[in-house]
Amino acid sequence: MVNQFGPMLAACLAGQGIAQVLEFHAREFLADGRLVQVLPEWADETYPLYAYHHSAQQMSGKVREFLEFVVAATRE
């Protein structure tokens, strides 16, 4: 059991365990076959991701760009 993403991913890539990770973290490894999906019936589970910020009128350009980046990175 680990509580950090890096060691967890390393253990999985070394064939030493399984993990439930966000799809966008595993996308590359699933595509090239280094990881395989197990328990597909659990694949619909999601992790909520929230961003707290000022109203859209008060949001800085940097914050807006970052939020757009995160939204794009987490979509398929």
N, C-alpha and C. Protein backbone atom coordinates (compact mmCIF):
# COMPACT_ATOMS: atom_id res chain seq x y z
N MET A 1 0.85 -1.17 0.00
CA MET A 1 0.00 0.00 0.00
C MET A 1 0.90 1.24 0.00
N VAL A 2 0.55 2.17 -0.86
CA VAL A 2 1.31 3.42 -0.94
C VAL A 2 0.34 4.59 -0.87
N ASN A 3 0.85 5.75 -0.54
CA ASN A 3 -0.01 6.93 -0.48
C ASN A 3 0.47 8.05 -1.39
N GLN A 4 1.36 7.71 -2.32
CA GLN A 4 1.84 8.68 -3.30
C GLN A 4 1.70 8.08 -4.69
N PHE A 5 1.37 8.93 -5.65
CA PHE A 5 1.10 8.45 -6.99
C PHE A 5 2.33 7.86 -7.67
N GLY A 6 3.48 8.49 -7.55
CA GLY A 6 4.69 8.02 -8.23
C GLY A 6 5.06 6.58 -7.90
N PRO A 7 5.23 6.26 -6.60
CA PRO A 7 5.54 4.87 -6.24
C PRO A 7 4.43 3.89 -6.63
N MET A 8 3.19 4.32 -6.56
CA MET A 8 2.08 3.46 -6.94
C MET A 8 2.17 3.11 -8.43
N LEU A 9 2.39 4.11 -9.26
CA LEU A 9 2.50 3.87 -10.70
C LEU A 9 3.73 3.01 -11.01
N ALA A 10 4.84 3.29 -10.34
CA ALA A 10 6.05 2.49 -10.56
C ALA A 10 5.81 1.02 -10.21
N ALA A 11 5.12 0.77 -9.10
CA ALA A 11 4.83 -0.61 -8.71
C ALA A 11 3.96 -1.30 -9.75
N CYS A 12 2.96 -0.60 -10.25
CA CYS A 12 2.09 -1.19 -11.27
C CYS A 12 2.85 -1.47 -12.56
N LEU A 13 3.68 -0.55 -12.98
CA LEU A 13 4.47 -0.74 -14.20
C LEU A 13 5.46 -1.90 -14.05
N ALA A 14 5.87 -2.17 -12.80
CA ALA A 14 6.79 -3.28 -12.54
C ALA A 14 6.04 -4.60 -12.35
N GLY A 15 4.71 -4.56 -12.48
CA GLY A 15 3.92 -5.78 -12.33
C GLY A 15 3.72 -6.21 -10.89
N GLN A 16 3.81 -5.27 -9.96
CA GLN A 16 3.74 -5.61 -8.55
C GLN A 16 2.42 -5.25 -7.89
N GLY A 17 1.40 -4.90 -8.65
CA GLY A 17 0.13 -4.57 -8.02
C GLY A 17 -0.85 -3.97 -9.00
N ILE A 18 -1.99 -3.58 -8.45
CA ILE A 18 -3.01 -2.89 -9.23
C ILE A 18 -3.34 -1.59 -8.52
N ALA A 19 -3.93 -0.67 -9.24
CA ALA A 19 -4.27 0.63 -8.66
C ALA A 19 -5.46 1.22 -9.39
N GLN A 20 -6.17 2.07 -8.69
CA GLN A 20 -7.23 2.84 -9.32
C GLN A 20 -6.70 4.26 -9.47
N VAL A 21 -6.50 4.67 -10.72
CA VAL A 21 -5.95 5.99 -11.00
C VAL A 21 -6.87 6.71 -11.98
N LEU A 22 -6.72 8.00 -12.04
CA LEU A 22 -7.46 8.76 -13.03
C LEU A 22 -7.01 8.34 -14.42
N GLU A 23 -7.94 8.23 -15.34
CA GLU A 23 -7.65 7.74 -16.68
C GLU A 23 -6.58 8.57 -17.36
N PHE A 24 -6.60 9.88 -17.17
CA PHE A 24 -5.62 10.69 -17.89
C PHE A 24 -4.20 10.46 -17.39
N HIS A 25 -4.02 9.94 -16.17
CA HIS A 25 -2.69 9.58 -15.69
C HIS A 25 -2.19 8.29 -16.36
N ALA A 26 -3.11 7.39 -16.69
CA ALA A 26 -2.73 6.08 -17.22
C ALA A 26 -2.86 5.98 -18.73
N ARG A 27 -3.41 6.99 -19.38
CA ARG A 27 -3.73 6.93 -20.82
C ARG A 27 -2.55 6.44 -21.66
N GLU A 28 -1.39 7.02 -21.47
CA GLU A 28 -0.20 6.65 -22.26
C GLU A 28 0.17 5.19 -22.04
N PHE A 29 0.13 4.75 -20.80
CA PHE A 29 0.54 3.38 -20.46
C PHE A 29 -0.48 2.35 -20.92
N LEU A 30 -1.74 2.71 -20.93
CA LEU A 30 -2.77 1.82 -21.47
C LEU A 30 -2.64 1.71 -22.98
N ALA A 31 -2.34 2.82 -23.63
CA ALA A 31 -2.24 2.84 -25.09
C ALA A 31 -1.09 1.97 -25.59
N ASP A 32 0.04 1.99 -24.88
CA ASP A 32 1.19 1.21 -25.37
C ASP A 32 1.28 -0.17 -24.73
N GLY A 33 0.30 -0.53 -23.91
CA GLY A 33 0.24 -1.88 -23.36
C GLY A 33 1.04 -2.11 -22.09
N ARG A 34 1.69 -1.07 -21.56
CA ARG A 34 2.44 -1.26 -20.32
C ARG A 34 1.51 -1.49 -19.13
N LEU A 35 0.29 -0.97 -19.22
CA LEU A 35 -0.75 -1.25 -18.22
C LEU A 35 -1.96 -1.82 -18.94
N VAL A 36 -2.73 -2.62 -18.23
CA VAL A 36 -3.98 -3.15 -18.75
C VAL A 36 -5.08 -2.84 -17.76
N GLN A 37 -6.27 -2.65 -18.26
CA GLN A 37 -7.40 -2.36 -17.39
C GLN A 37 -7.92 -3.66 -16.79
N VAL A 38 -8.14 -3.64 -15.48
CA VAL A 38 -8.79 -4.75 -14.79
C VAL A 38 -10.03 -4.18 -14.11
N LEU A 39 -10.96 -5.04 -13.80
CA LEU A 39 -12.22 -4.63 -13.16
C LEU A 39 -12.92 -3.53 -13.96
N PRO A 40 -13.19 -3.77 -15.24
CA PRO A 40 -13.80 -2.73 -16.07
C PRO A 40 -15.15 -2.25 -15.55
N GLU A 41 -15.83 -3.07 -14.77
CA GLU A 41 -17.12 -2.64 -14.23
C GLU A 41 -16.98 -1.48 -13.23
N TRP A 42 -15.78 -1.21 -12.78
CA TRP A 42 -15.52 -0.08 -11.88
C TRP A 42 -15.04 1.15 -12.64
N ALA A 43 -14.90 1.05 -13.93
CA ALA A 43 -14.31 2.14 -14.71
C ALA A 43 -15.14 3.41 -14.70
N ASP A 44 -16.41 3.31 -14.37
CA ASP A 44 -17.26 4.51 -14.37
C ASP A 44 -17.09 5.35 -13.11
N GLU A 45 -16.32 4.86 -12.15
CA GLU A 45 -16.09 5.66 -10.96
C GLU A 45 -15.29 6.90 -11.33
N THR A 46 -15.65 8.02 -10.75
CA THR A 46 -14.96 9.26 -11.05
C THR A 46 -14.49 9.91 -9.75
N TYR A 47 -13.53 10.77 -9.89
CA TYR A 47 -13.04 11.56 -8.77
C TYR A 47 -13.44 13.00 -9.03
N PRO A 48 -14.10 13.61 -8.07
CA PRO A 48 -14.50 15.01 -8.30
C PRO A 48 -13.27 15.91 -8.30
N LEU A 49 -13.32 16.92 -9.10
CA LEU A 49 -12.24 17.90 -9.18
C LEU A 49 -12.89 19.27 -9.15
N TYR A 50 -12.52 20.07 -8.18
CA TYR A 50 -13.14 21.38 -8.00
C TYR A 50 -12.09 22.47 -8.08
N ALA A 51 -12.48 23.61 -8.61
CA ALA A 51 -11.63 24.79 -8.63
C ALA A 51 -12.43 25.93 -8.03
N TYR A 52 -11.94 26.48 -6.95
CA TYR A 52 -12.60 27.61 -6.30
C TYR A 52 -11.90 28.89 -6.73
N HIS A 53 -12.68 29.83 -7.23
CA HIS A 53 -12.11 31.07 -7.72
C HIS A 53 -13.15 32.18 -7.62
N HIS A 54 -12.68 33.39 -7.84
CA HIS A 54 -13.60 34.53 -7.88
C HIS A 54 -14.55 34.38 -9.06
N SER A 55 -15.54 35.19 -9.09
CA SER A 55 -16.48 35.14 -10.21
C SER A 55 -15.74 35.33 -11.54
N ALA A 56 -16.39 34.93 -12.61
CA ALA A 56 -15.76 35.01 -13.93
C ALA A 56 -15.33 36.44 -14.27
N GLN A 57 -16.06 37.43 -13.78
CA GLN A 57 -15.71 38.82 -14.08
C GLN A 57 -14.42 39.24 -13.37
N GLN A 58 -14.11 38.61 -12.22
CA GLN A 58 -12.92 38.98 -11.45
C GLN A 58 -11.74 38.03 -11.68
N MET A 59 -11.91 37.03 -12.51
CA MET A 59 -10.87 36.02 -12.71
C MET A 59 -9.74 36.58 -13.57
N SER A 60 -8.51 36.36 -13.12
CA SER A 60 -7.37 36.82 -13.92
C SER A 60 -7.20 35.93 -15.16
N GLY A 61 -6.52 36.45 -16.13
CA GLY A 61 -6.26 35.69 -17.34
C GLY A 61 -5.46 34.43 -17.07
N LYS A 62 -4.51 34.50 -16.13
CA LYS A 62 -3.69 33.32 -15.80
C LYS A 62 -4.55 32.22 -15.20
N VAL A 63 -5.46 32.58 -14.31
CA VAL A 63 -6.34 31.58 -13.70
C VAL A 63 -7.25 30.98 -14.75
N ARG A 64 -7.80 31.80 -15.61
CA ARG A 64 -8.68 31.31 -16.68
C ARG A 64 -7.94 30.34 -17.59
N GLU A 65 -6.73 30.68 -17.99
CA GLU A 65 -5.93 29.80 -18.85
C GLU A 65 -5.62 28.47 -18.15
N PHE A 66 -5.29 28.54 -16.86
CA PHE A 66 -4.99 27.32 -16.12
C PHE A 66 -6.22 26.42 -16.05
N LEU A 67 -7.36 26.98 -15.75
CA LEU A 67 -8.59 26.18 -15.67
C LEU A 67 -8.93 25.57 -17.02
N GLU A 68 -8.75 26.30 -18.09
CA GLU A 68 -9.00 25.76 -19.43
C GLU A 68 -8.03 24.61 -19.73
N PHE A 69 -6.78 24.74 -19.30
CA PHE A 69 -5.79 23.68 -19.48
C PHE A 69 -6.22 22.41 -18.72
N VAL A 70 -6.62 22.58 -17.48
CA VAL A 70 -7.02 21.42 -16.65
C VAL A 70 -8.24 20.74 -17.25
N VAL A 71 -9.21 21.50 -17.69
CA VAL A 71 -10.41 20.91 -18.30
C VAL A 71 -10.03 20.12 -19.54
N ALA A 72 -9.18 20.68 -20.38
CA ALA A 72 -8.77 19.99 -21.61
C ALA A 72 -7.94 18.74 -21.28
N ALA A 73 -7.09 18.80 -20.27
CA ALA A 73 -6.23 17.67 -19.92
C ALA A 73 -7.02 16.51 -19.33
N THR A 74 -8.14 16.80 -18.71
CA THR A 74 -8.90 15.74 -18.05
C THR A 74 -10.00 15.17 -18.93
N ARG A 75 -10.20 15.73 -20.09
CA ARG A 75 -11.18 15.16 -21.03
C ARG A 75 -10.50 14.16 -21.93
N GLU A 76 -11.29 13.28 -22.51
CA GLU A 76 -10.72 12.28 -23.42
C GLU A 76 -10.44 12.87 -24.77
